[in-house]
């Protein structure tokens, strides 16, 4: 496998950060729901 080009590397970073952000947002939403459920608001 040949080394990645600069552009491919940038795309890889973009995708990794985008997926990470999506996962973090989903986790945050889940935690908020969990806390709301426990607090019975």
C-alpha atoms as a PDB file:
ATOM      1  CA  UNK A   1       0.000   0.000   0.000  1.00  0.00           C
ATOM      2  CA  UNK A   2       1.496   3.300  -1.060  1.00  0.00           C
ATOM      3  CA  UNK A   3       1.611   6.223   1.397  1.00  0.00           C
ATOM      4  CA  UNK A   4      -1.350   8.592   1.378  1.00  0.00           C
ATOM      5  CA  UNK A   5      -1.203  11.824  -0.544  1.00  0.00           C
ATOM      6  CA  UNK A   6      -1.637  15.137   1.273  1.00  0.00           C
ATOM      7  CA  UNK A   7      -5.228  15.447   0.041  1.00  0.00           C
ATOM      8  CA  UNK A   8      -6.148  11.903   1.093  1.00  0.00           C
ATOM      9  CA  UNK A   9      -4.636  12.561   4.501  1.00  0.00           C
ATOM     10  CA  UNK A  10      -6.750  15.705   4.897  1.00  0.00           C
ATOM     11  CA  UNK A  11      -9.889  13.803   3.901  1.00  0.00           C
ATOM     12  CA  UNK A  12      -9.062  11.077   6.393  1.00  0.00           C
ATOM     13  CA  UNK A  13      -8.717  13.656   9.175  1.00  0.00           C
ATOM     14  CA  UNK A  14     -11.946  15.344   8.126  1.00  0.00           C
ATOM     15  CA  UNK A  15     -13.865  12.046   8.186  1.00  0.00           C
ATOM     16  CA  UNK A  16     -12.340  10.967  11.497  1.00  0.00           C
ATOM     17  CA  UNK A  17     -13.209  14.276  13.173  1.00  0.00           C
ATOM     18  CA  UNK A  18     -16.692  14.325  11.627  1.00  0.00           C
ATOM     19  CA  UNK A  19     -17.447  10.799  12.873  1.00  0.00           C
ATOM     20  CA  UNK A  20     -15.980  11.663  16.267  1.00  0.00           C
ATOM     21  CA  UNK A  21     -18.160  14.750  16.499  1.00  0.00           C
ATOM     22  CA  UNK A  22     -21.246  12.782  15.515  1.00  0.00           C
ATOM     23  CA  UNK A  23     -20.509  10.131  18.144  1.00  0.00           C
ATOM     24  CA  UNK A  24     -19.893  12.799  20.801  1.00  0.00           C
ATOM     25  CA  UNK A  25     -23.192  14.538  19.966  1.00  0.00           C
ATOM     26  CA  UNK A  26     -25.103  11.244  20.150  1.00  0.00           C
ATOM     27  CA  UNK A  27     -23.457  10.375  23.464  1.00  0.00           C
ATOM     28  CA  UNK A  28     -24.269  13.813  24.880  1.00  0.00           C
ATOM     29  CA  UNK A  29     -27.911  13.508  23.802  1.00  0.00           C
ATOM     30  CA  UNK A  30     -28.097  10.061  25.404  1.00  0.00           C
ATOM     31  CA  UNK A  31     -26.580  11.303  28.668  1.00  0.00           C
ATOM     32  CA  UNK A  32     -28.977  14.259  28.807  1.00  0.00           C
ATOM     33  CA  UNK A  33     -31.931  11.907  28.292  1.00  0.00           C
ATOM     34  CA  UNK A  34     -30.585   9.568  30.948  1.00  0.00           C
ATOM     35  CA  UNK A  35     -30.177  12.401  33.469  1.00  0.00           C
ATOM     36  CA  UNK A  36     -33.636  13.760  32.647  1.00  0.00           C
ATOM     37  CA  UNK A  37     -35.050  10.269  33.209  1.00  0.00           C
ATOM     38  CA  UNK A  38     -33.322   9.918  36.573  1.00  0.00           C
ATOM     39  CA  UNK A  39     -34.278  13.453  37.667  1.00  0.00           C
ATOM     40  CA  UNK A  40     -37.889  12.876  36.498  1.00  0.00           C
ATOM     41  CA  UNK A  41     -38.259  16.385  35.028  1.00  0.00           C
END
